[in-house]
Amino acid sequence: MAKDKSKKSDGDEFAKPSEAPSGGDGFTLTSDENRGKLLLITPLRTERIEDKFSKEPGATKEIIVADVAVLDEKKPAKSEEHEEVYVF
């Protein structure tokens, strides 16, 4: 499972939203680092988000939200899990 990289305040169980890292745990499917690796993608749901590149006001596009595991075939214990990844 991906580690929580947010800073936690003294005595608080959860970090403030302003202290959370942007983009979840920073995992990107299209990263060159992931090229040629074995990925296990588990779709969870679809969501509609604002289409920032559309010229039509209020336009949205559908994305898939999935859990992604980057599998390490030689050392399975070093496989990485990433939750709630947006797949466009």
PDB file of N, CA and C in Angstrom:
ATOM      1  N   MET A   1       0.840  -1.165   0.000  1.00  0.00           N
ATOM      2  CA  MET A   1       0.000   0.000   0.000  1.00  0.00           C
ATOM      3  C   MET A   1       0.896   1.243   0.000  1.00  0.00           C
ATOM      4  N   ALA A   2       0.464   2.298  -0.656  1.00  0.00           N
ATOM      5  CA  ALA A   2       1.235   3.534  -0.716  1.00  0.00           C
ATOM      6  C   ALA A   2       1.315   4.184   0.650  1.00  0.00           C
ATOM      7  N   LYS A   3       2.458   4.756   0.936  1.00  0.00           N
ATOM      8  CA  LYS A   3       2.656   5.397   2.230  1.00  0.00           C
ATOM      9  C   LYS A   3       2.013   6.767   2.251  1.00  0.00           C
ATOM     10  N   ASP A   4       1.538   7.175   3.427  1.00  0.00           N
ATOM     11  CA  ASP A   4       0.976   8.507   3.614  1.00  0.00           C
ATOM     12  C   ASP A   4       2.125   9.489   3.763  1.00  0.00           C
ATOM     13  N   LYS A   5       2.289  10.372   2.775  1.00  0.00           N
ATOM     14  CA  LYS A   5       3.403  11.309   2.780  1.00  0.00           C
ATOM     15  C   LYS A   5       3.019  12.670   3.338  1.00  0.00           C
ATOM     16  N   SER A   6       1.809  12.785   3.860  1.00  0.00           N
ATOM     17  CA  SER A   6       1.369  14.063   4.407  1.00  0.00           C
ATOM     18  C   SER A   6       1.997  14.304   5.769  1.00  0.00           C
ATOM     19  N   LYS A   7       2.131  15.569   6.127  1.00  0.00           N
ATOM     20  CA  LYS A   7       2.661  15.933   7.435  1.00  0.00           C
ATOM     21  C   LYS A   7       1.513  15.903   8.424  1.00  0.00           C
ATOM     22  N   LYS A   8       1.723  15.329   9.582  1.00  0.00           N
ATOM     23  CA  LYS A   8       0.666  15.255  10.581  1.00  0.00           C
ATOM     24  C   LYS A   8       0.936  16.274  11.674  1.00  0.00           C
ATOM     25  N   SER A   9      -0.105  16.935  12.108  1.00  0.00           N
ATOM     26  CA  SER A   9       0.002  17.925  13.174  1.00  0.00           C
ATOM     27  C   SER A   9       0.108  17.223  14.510  1.00  0.00           C
ATOM     28  N   ASP A  10       0.638  17.893  15.520  1.00  0.00           N
ATOM     29  CA  ASP A  10       0.764  17.319  16.857  1.00  0.00           C
ATOM     30  C   ASP A  10      -0.610  16.977  17.418  1.00  0.00           C
ATOM     31  N   GLY A  11      -0.797  15.713  17.814  1.00  0.00           N
ATOM     32  CA  GLY A  11      -2.031  15.299  18.452  1.00  0.00           C
ATOM     33  C   GLY A  11      -3.191  15.040  17.498  1.00  0.00           C
ATOM     34  N   ASP A  12      -3.092  15.439  16.238  1.00  0.00           N
ATOM     35  CA  ASP A  12      -4.167  15.209  15.277  1.00  0.00           C
ATOM     36  C   ASP A  12      -3.971  13.856  14.602  1.00  0.00           C
ATOM     37  N   GLU A  13      -5.070  13.159  14.401  1.00  0.00           N
ATOM     38  CA  GLU A  13      -4.987  11.865  13.732  1.00  0.00           C
ATOM     39  C   GLU A  13      -4.778  12.051  12.230  1.00  0.00           C
ATOM     40  N   PHE A  14      -5.339  13.123  11.669  1.00  0.00           N
ATOM     41  CA  PHE A  14      -5.243  13.353  10.237  1.00  0.00           C
ATOM     42  C   PHE A  14      -4.565  14.690   9.970  1.00  0.00           C
ATOM     43  N   ALA A  15      -3.898  14.755   8.810  1.00  0.00           N
ATOM     44  CA  ALA A  15      -3.251  16.001   8.416  1.00  0.00           C
ATOM     45  C   ALA A  15      -4.291  16.975   7.888  1.00  0.00           C
ATOM     46  N   LYS A  16      -3.960  18.252   7.913  1.00  0.00           N
ATOM     47  CA  LYS A  16      -4.831  19.274   7.328  1.00  0.00           C
ATOM     48  C   LYS A  16      -4.776  19.118   5.811  1.00  0.00           C
ATOM     49  N   PRO A  17      -5.883  19.395   5.110  1.00  0.00           N
ATOM     50  CA  PRO A  17      -5.866  19.278   3.654  1.00  0.00           C
ATOM     51  C   PRO A  17      -4.763  20.121   3.002  1.00  0.00           C
ATOM     52  N   SER A  18      -4.443  21.262   3.585  1.00  0.00           N
ATOM     53  CA  SER A  18      -3.397  22.115   3.004  1.00  0.00           C
ATOM     54  C   SER A  18      -2.015  21.487   3.113  1.00  0.00           C
ATOM     55  N   GLU A  19      -1.852  20.493   4.012  1.00  0.00           N
ATOM     56  CA  GLU A  19      -0.559  19.837   4.192  1.00  0.00           C
ATOM     57  C   GLU A  19      -0.416  18.578   3.345  1.00  0.00           C
ATOM     58  N   ALA A  20      -1.491  18.139   2.723  1.00  0.00           N
ATOM     59  CA  ALA A  20      -1.458  16.921   1.924  1.00  0.00           C
ATOM     60  C   ALA A  20      -0.693  17.159   0.626  1.00  0.00           C
ATOM     61  N   PRO A  21       0.033  16.152   0.148  1.00  0.00           N
ATOM     62  CA  PRO A  21       0.753  16.305  -1.110  1.00  0.00           C
ATOM     63  C   PRO A  21      -0.235  16.403  -2.264  1.00  0.00           C
ATOM     64  N   SER A  22       0.101  17.187  -3.281  1.00  0.00           N
ATOM     65  CA  SER A  22      -0.801  17.301  -4.430  1.00  0.00           C
ATOM     66  C   SER A  22      -0.749  16.019  -5.242  1.00  0.00           C
ATOM     67  N   GLY A  23      -1.864  15.656  -5.847  1.00  0.00           N
ATOM     68  CA  GLY A  23      -1.918  14.492  -6.714  1.00  0.00           C
ATOM     69  C   GLY A  23      -1.804  13.166  -5.987  1.00  0.00           C
ATOM     70  N   GLY A  24      -2.350  13.063  -4.802  1.00  0.00           N
ATOM     71  CA  GLY A  24      -2.285  11.802  -4.068  1.00  0.00           C
ATOM     72  C   GLY A  24      -0.862  11.482  -3.678  1.00  0.00           C
ATOM     73  N   ASP A  25      -0.388  10.272  -4.040  1.00  0.00           N
ATOM     74  CA  ASP A  25       0.972   9.898  -3.672  1.00  0.00           C
ATOM     75  C   ASP A  25       1.981  10.234  -4.770  1.00  0.00           C
ATOM     76  N   GLY A  26       1.539  10.971  -5.798  1.00  0.00           N
ATOM     77  CA  GLY A  26       2.441  11.409  -6.856  1.00  0.00           C
ATOM     78  C   GLY A  26       2.625  10.400  -7.977  1.00  0.00           C
ATOM     79  N   PHE A  27       1.939   9.263  -7.929  1.00  0.00           N
ATOM     80  CA  PHE A  27       2.066   8.233  -8.962  1.00  0.00           C
ATOM     81  C   PHE A  27       1.397   8.693 -10.245  1.00  0.00           C
ATOM     82  N   THR A  28       2.076   8.488 -11.375  1.00  0.00           N
ATOM     83  CA  THR A  28       1.528   8.808 -12.682  1.00  0.00           C
ATOM     84  C   THR A  28       1.681   7.601 -13.593  1.00  0.00           C
ATOM     85  N   LEU A  29       0.578   7.142 -14.165  1.00  0.00           N
ATOM     86  CA  LEU A  29       0.619   5.980 -15.058  1.00  0.00           C
ATOM     87  C   LEU A  29       1.534   6.215 -16.256  1.00  0.00           C
ATOM     88  N   THR A  30       1.556   7.420 -16.784  1.00  0.00           N
ATOM     89  CA  THR A  30       2.286   7.703 -18.007  1.00  0.00           C
ATOM     90  C   THR A  30       3.756   8.042 -17.789  1.00  0.00           C
ATOM     91  N   SER A  31       4.245   7.904 -16.561  1.00  0.00           N
ATOM     92  CA  SER A  31       5.641   8.184 -16.253  1.00  0.00           C
ATOM     93  C   SER A  31       6.560   7.227 -17.009  1.00  0.00           C
ATOM     94  N   ASP A  32       7.694   7.726 -17.489  1.00  0.00           N
ATOM     95  CA  ASP A  32       8.676   6.864 -18.153  1.00  0.00           C
ATOM     96  C   ASP A  32       9.179   5.776 -17.206  1.00  0.00           C
ATOM     97  N   GLU A  33       9.129   6.043 -15.920  1.00  0.00           N
ATOM     98  CA  GLU A  33       9.558   5.079 -14.912  1.00  0.00           C
ATOM     99  C   GLU A  33       8.712   3.809 -14.958  1.00  0.00           C
ATOM    100  N   ASN A  34       7.469   3.906 -15.419  1.00  0.00           N
ATOM    101  CA  ASN A  34       6.562   2.757 -15.467  1.00  0.00           C
ATOM    102  C   ASN A  34       6.559   2.043 -16.812  1.00  0.00           C
ATOM    103  N   ARG A  35       7.276   2.570 -17.767  1.00  0.00           N
ATOM    104  CA  ARG A  35       7.295   1.974 -19.111  1.00  0.00           C
ATOM    105  C   ARG A  35       7.897   0.569 -19.055  1.00  0.00           C
ATOM    106  N   GLY A  36       7.179  -0.400 -19.597  1.00  0.00           N
ATOM    107  CA  GLY A  36       7.652  -1.780 -19.652  1.00  0.00           C
ATOM    108  C   GLY A  36       7.417  -2.573 -18.378  1.00  0.00           C
ATOM    109  N   LYS A  37       6.817  -1.953 -17.362  1.00  0.00           N
ATOM    110  CA  LYS A  37       6.546  -2.671 -16.112  1.00  0.00           C
ATOM    111  C   LYS A  37       5.183  -3.343 -16.178  1.00  0.00           C
ATOM    112  N   LEU A  38       5.025  -4.376 -15.388  1.00  0.00           N
ATOM    113  CA  LEU A  38       3.764  -5.106 -15.308  1.00  0.00           C
ATOM    114  C   LEU A  38       2.850  -4.398 -14.322  1.00  0.00           C
ATOM    115  N   LEU A  39       1.690  -3.959 -14.795  1.00  0.00           N
ATOM    116  CA  LEU A  39       0.736  -3.238 -13.960  1.00  0.00           C
ATOM    117  C   LEU A  39      -0.540  -4.056 -13.815  1.00  0.00           C
ATOM    118  N   LEU A  40      -1.083  -4.061 -12.622  1.00  0.00           N
ATOM    119  CA  LEU A  40      -2.386  -4.664 -12.369  1.00  0.00           C
ATOM    120  C   LEU A  40      -3.328  -3.506 -12.069  1.00  0.00           C
ATOM    121  N   ILE A  41      -4.298  -3.292 -12.943  1.00  0.00           N
ATOM    122  CA  ILE A  41      -5.219  -2.156 -12.818  1.00  0.00           C
ATOM    123  C   ILE A  41      -6.600  -2.697 -12.462  1.00  0.00           C
ATOM    124  N   THR A  42      -7.125  -2.224 -11.330  1.00  0.00           N
ATOM    125  CA  THR A  42      -8.448  -2.645 -10.874  1.00  0.00           C
ATOM    126  C   THR A  42      -9.383  -1.445 -10.926  1.00  0.00           C
ATOM    127  N   PRO A  43     -10.244  -1.364 -11.953  1.00  0.00           N
ATOM    128  CA  PRO A  43     -11.179  -0.238 -12.048  1.00  0.00           C
ATOM    129  C   PRO A  43     -12.153  -0.249 -10.875  1.00  0.00           C
ATOM    130  N   LEU A  44     -12.384   0.935 -10.296  1.00  0.00           N
ATOM    131  CA  LEU A  44     -13.295   1.069  -9.164  1.00  0.00           C
ATOM    132  C   LEU A  44     -14.610   1.721  -9.563  1.00  0.00           C
ATOM    133  N   ARG A  45     -14.520   2.803 -10.347  1.00  0.00           N
ATOM    134  CA  ARG A  45     -15.721   3.548 -10.735  1.00  0.00           C
ATOM    135  C   ARG A  45     -15.351   4.540 -11.833  1.00  0.00           C
ATOM    136  N   THR A  46     -16.377   5.185 -12.378  1.00  0.00           N
ATOM    137  CA  THR A  46     -16.148   6.290 -13.309  1.00  0.00           C
ATOM    138  C   THR A  46     -16.598   7.580 -12.636  1.00  0.00           C
ATOM    139  N   GLU A  47     -15.987   8.666 -13.023  1.00  0.00           N
ATOM    140  CA  GLU A  47     -16.352   9.989 -12.517  1.00  0.00           C
ATOM    141  C   GLU A  47     -16.355  10.967 -13.678  1.00  0.00           C
ATOM    142  N   ARG A  48     -17.101  12.034 -13.511  1.00  0.00           N
ATOM    143  CA  ARG A  48     -17.089  13.114 -14.492  1.00  0.00           C
ATOM    144  C   ARG A  48     -16.336  14.276 -13.855  1.00  0.00           C
ATOM    145  N   ILE A  49     -15.370  14.813 -14.596  1.00  0.00           N
ATOM    146  CA  ILE A  49     -14.592  15.950 -14.107  1.00  0.00           C
ATOM    147  C   ILE A  49     -14.638  17.060 -15.140  1.00  0.00           C
ATOM    148  N   GLU A  50     -14.302  18.254 -14.717  1.00  0.00           N
ATOM    149  CA  GLU A  50     -14.278  19.402 -15.610  1.00  0.00           C
ATOM    150  C   GLU A  50     -13.218  19.185 -16.682  1.00  0.00           C
ATOM    151  N   ASP A  51     -13.591  19.444 -17.937  1.00  0.00           N
ATOM    152  CA  ASP A  51     -12.655  19.339 -19.054  1.00  0.00           C
ATOM    153  C   ASP A  51     -12.002  20.701 -19.250  1.00  0.00           C
ATOM    154  N   LYS A  52     -10.828  20.880 -18.700  1.00  0.00           N
ATOM    155  CA  LYS A  52     -10.144  22.172 -18.733  1.00  0.00           C
ATOM    156  C   LYS A  52      -9.669  22.559 -20.123  1.00  0.00           C
ATOM    157  N   PHE A  53      -9.616  21.597 -21.042  1.00  0.00           N
ATOM    158  CA  PHE A  53      -9.123  21.885 -22.383  1.00  0.00           C
ATOM    159  C   PHE A  53     -10.240  22.141 -23.395  1.00  0.00           C
ATOM    160  N   SER A  54     -11.478  21.947 -22.992  1.00  0.00           N
ATOM    161  CA  SER A  54     -12.607  22.171 -23.887  1.00  0.00           C
ATOM    162  C   SER A  54     -12.897  23.664 -24.001  1.00  0.00           C
ATOM    163  N   LYS A  55     -13.343  24.061 -25.182  1.00  0.00           N
ATOM    164  CA  LYS A  55     -13.712  25.465 -25.396  1.00  0.00           C
ATOM    165  C   LYS A  55     -15.163  25.713 -25.011  1.00  0.00           C
ATOM    166  N   GLU A  56     -15.907  24.642 -24.724  1.00  0.00           N
ATOM    167  CA  GLU A  56     -17.303  24.780 -24.319  1.00  0.00           C
ATOM    168  C   GLU A  56     -17.371  25.011 -22.814  1.00  0.00           C
ATOM    169  N   PRO A  57     -18.055  26.053 -22.370  1.00  0.00           N
ATOM    170  CA  PRO A  57     -18.165  26.287 -20.923  1.00  0.00           C
ATOM    171  C   PRO A  57     -18.925  25.153 -20.231  1.00  0.00           C
ATOM    172  N   GLY A  58     -18.413  24.715 -19.100  1.00  0.00           N
ATOM    173  CA  GLY A  58     -19.071  23.665 -18.326  1.00  0.00           C
ATOM    174  C   GLY A  58     -18.888  22.259 -18.870  1.00  0.00           C
ATOM    175  N   ALA A  59     -18.025  22.087 -19.865  1.00  0.00           N
ATOM    176  CA  ALA A  59     -17.820  20.764 -20.453  1.00  0.00           C
ATOM    177  C   ALA A  59     -17.132  19.841 -19.449  1.00  0.00           C
ATOM    178  N   THR A  60     -17.533  18.574 -19.474  1.00  0.00           N
ATOM    179  CA  THR A  60     -16.928  17.580 -18.594  1.00  0.00           C
ATOM    180  C   THR A  60     -16.459  16.393 -19.422  1.00  0.00           C
ATOM    181  N   LYS A  61     -15.631  15.564 -18.817  1.00  0.00           N
ATOM    182  CA  LYS A  61     -15.228  14.316 -19.462  1.00  0.00           C
ATOM    183  C   LYS A  61     -15.247  13.213 -18.427  1.00  0.00           C
ATOM    184  N   GLU A  62     -15.423  11.993 -18.910  1.00  0.00           N
ATOM    185  CA  GLU A  62     -15.499  10.851 -18.015  1.00  0.00           C
ATOM    186  C   GLU A  62     -14.113  10.231 -17.855  1.00  0.00           C
ATOM    187  N   ILE A  63     -13.774   9.909 -16.609  1.00  0.00           N
ATOM    188  CA  ILE A  63     -12.503   9.238 -16.323  1.00  0.00           C
ATOM    189  C   ILE A  63     -12.781   7.979 -15.520  1.00  0.00           C
ATOM    190  N   ILE A  64     -11.804   7.116 -15.465  1.00  0.00           N
ATOM    191  CA  ILE A  64     -11.892   5.900 -14.658  1.00  0.00           C
ATOM    192  C   ILE A  64     -11.007   6.094 -13.435  1.00  0.00           C
ATOM    193  N   VAL A  65     -11.512   5.741 -12.283  1.00  0.00           N
ATOM    194  CA  VAL A  65     -10.727   5.764 -11.049  1.00  0.00           C
ATOM    195  C   VAL A  65     -10.404   4.306 -10.735  1.00  0.00           C
ATOM    196  N   ALA A  66      -9.104   4.015 -10.533  1.00  0.00           N
ATOM    197  CA  ALA A  66      -8.680   2.631 -10.348  1.00  0.00           C
ATOM    198  C   ALA A  66      -7.581   2.521  -9.301  1.00  0.00           C
ATOM    199  N   ASP A  67      -7.457   1.341  -8.731  1.00  0.00           N
ATOM    200  CA  ASP A  67      -6.296   1.010  -7.909  1.00  0.00           C
ATOM    201  C   ASP A  67      -5.285   0.373  -8.858  1.00  0.00           C
ATOM    202  N   VAL A  68      -4.019   0.750  -8.711  1.00  0.00           N
ATOM    203  CA  VAL A  68      -2.970   0.252  -9.599  1.00  0.00           C
ATOM    204  C   VAL A  68      -1.865  -0.366  -8.759  1.00  0.00           C
ATOM    205  N   ALA A  69      -1.451  -1.564  -9.137  1.00  0.00           N
ATOM    206  CA  ALA A  69      -0.304  -2.214  -8.500  1.00  0.00           C
ATOM    207  C   ALA A  69       0.787  -2.352  -9.556  1.00  0.00           C
ATOM    208  N   VAL A  70       1.987  -1.861  -9.238  1.00  0.00           N
ATOM    209  CA  VAL A  70       3.153  -2.038 -10.096  1.00  0.00           C
ATOM    210  C   VAL A  70       3.847  -3.280  -9.564  1.00  0.00           C
ATOM    211  N   LEU A  71       3.771  -4.365 -10.334  1.00  0.00           N
ATOM    212  CA  LEU A  71       4.256  -5.657  -9.863  1.00  0.00           C
ATOM    213  C   LEU A  71       5.746  -5.826 -10.139  1.00  0.00           C
ATOM    214  N   ASP A  72       6.481  -6.261  -9.137  1.00  0.00           N
ATOM    215  CA  ASP A  72       7.899  -6.572  -9.281  1.00  0.00           C
ATOM    216  C   ASP A  72       7.991  -8.095  -9.338  1.00  0.00           C
ATOM    217  N   GLU A  73       8.244  -8.622 -10.543  1.00  0.00           N
ATOM    218  CA  GLU A  73       8.224 -10.065 -10.737  1.00  0.00           C
ATOM    219  C   GLU A  73       9.353 -10.774  -9.993  1.00  0.00           C
ATOM    220  N   LYS A  74      10.508 -10.127  -9.887  1.00  0.00           N
ATOM    221  CA  LYS A  74      11.656 -10.756  -9.235  1.00  0.00           C
ATOM    222  C   LYS A  74      11.558 -10.685  -7.717  1.00  0.00           C
ATOM    223  N   LYS A  75      11.024  -9.584  -7.201  1.00  0.00           N
ATOM    224  CA  LYS A  75      10.881  -9.396  -5.758  1.00  0.00           C
ATOM    225  C   LYS A  75       9.456  -8.916  -5.469  1.00  0.00           C
ATOM    226  N   PRO A  76       8.490  -9.847  -5.422  1.00  0.00           N
ATOM    227  CA  PRO A  76       7.090  -9.463  -5.236  1.00  0.00           C
ATOM    228  C   PRO A  76       6.840  -8.590  -4.013  1.00  0.00           C
ATOM    229  N   ALA A  77       7.627  -8.727  -2.975  1.00  0.00           N
ATOM    230  CA  ALA A  77       7.433  -7.909  -1.771  1.00  0.00           C
ATOM    231  C   ALA A  77       7.701  -6.435  -2.043  1.00  0.00           C
ATOM    232  N   LYS A  78       8.421  -6.135  -3.123  1.00  0.00           N
ATOM    233  CA  LYS A  78       8.722  -4.744  -3.469  1.00  0.00           C
ATOM    234  C   LYS A  78       7.710  -4.146  -4.443  1.00  0.00           C
ATOM    235  N   SER A  79       6.635  -4.886  -4.729  1.00  0.00           N
ATOM    236  CA  SER A  79       5.573  -4.350  -5.583  1.00  0.00           C
ATOM    237  C   SER A  79       4.940  -3.154  -4.890  1.00  0.00           C
ATOM    238  N   GLU A  80       4.438  -2.207  -5.675  1.00  0.00           N
ATOM    239  CA  GLU A  80       3.858  -0.972  -5.128  1.00  0.00           C
ATOM    240  C   GLU A  80       2.369  -0.923  -5.420  1.00  0.00           C
ATOM    241  N   GLU A  81       1.586  -0.447  -4.446  1.00  0.00           N
ATOM    242  CA  GLU A  81       0.150  -0.223  -4.643  1.00  0.00           C
ATOM    243  C   GLU A  81      -0.136   1.261  -4.629  1.00  0.00           C
ATOM    244  N   HIS A  82      -0.997   1.685  -5.534  1.00  0.00           N
ATOM    245  CA  HIS A  82      -1.425   3.092  -5.598  1.00  0.00           C
ATOM    246  C   HIS A  82      -2.944   3.101  -5.697  1.00  0.00           C
ATOM    247  N   GLU A  83      -3.588   3.813  -4.777  1.00  0.00           N
ATOM    248  CA  GLU A  83      -5.050   3.836  -4.714  1.00  0.00           C
ATOM    249  C   GLU A  83      -5.608   5.085  -5.371  1.00  0.00           C
ATOM    250  N   GLU A  84      -6.809   4.942  -5.931  1.00  0.00           N
ATOM    251  CA  GLU A  84      -7.573   6.066  -6.484  1.00  0.00           C
ATOM    252  C   GLU A  84      -6.793   6.827  -7.562  1.00  0.00           C
ATOM    253  N   VAL A  85      -6.236   6.099  -8.533  1.00  0.00           N
ATOM    254  CA  VAL A  85      -5.495   6.694  -9.645  1.00  0.00           C
ATOM    255  C   VAL A  85      -6.478   7.052 -10.751  1.00  0.00           C
ATOM    256  N   TYR A  86      -6.359   8.273 -11.301  1.00  0.00           N
ATOM    257  CA  TYR A  86      -7.212   8.688 -12.421  1.00  0.00           C
ATOM    258  C   TYR A  86      -6.612   8.157 -13.715  1.00  0.00           C
ATOM    259  N   VAL A  87      -7.447   7.454 -14.487  1.00  0.00           N
ATOM    260  CA  VAL A  87      -7.042   6.922 -15.783  1.00  0.00           C
ATOM    261  C   VAL A  87      -7.847   7.662 -16.835  1.00  0.00           C
ATOM    262  N   PHE A  88      -7.182   8.398 -17.691  1.00  0.00           N
ATOM    263  CA  PHE A  88      -7.863   9.205 -18.718  1.00  0.00           C
ATOM    264  C   PHE A  88      -7.931   8.459 -20.021  1.00  0.00           C
TER     265      PHE A  88
END
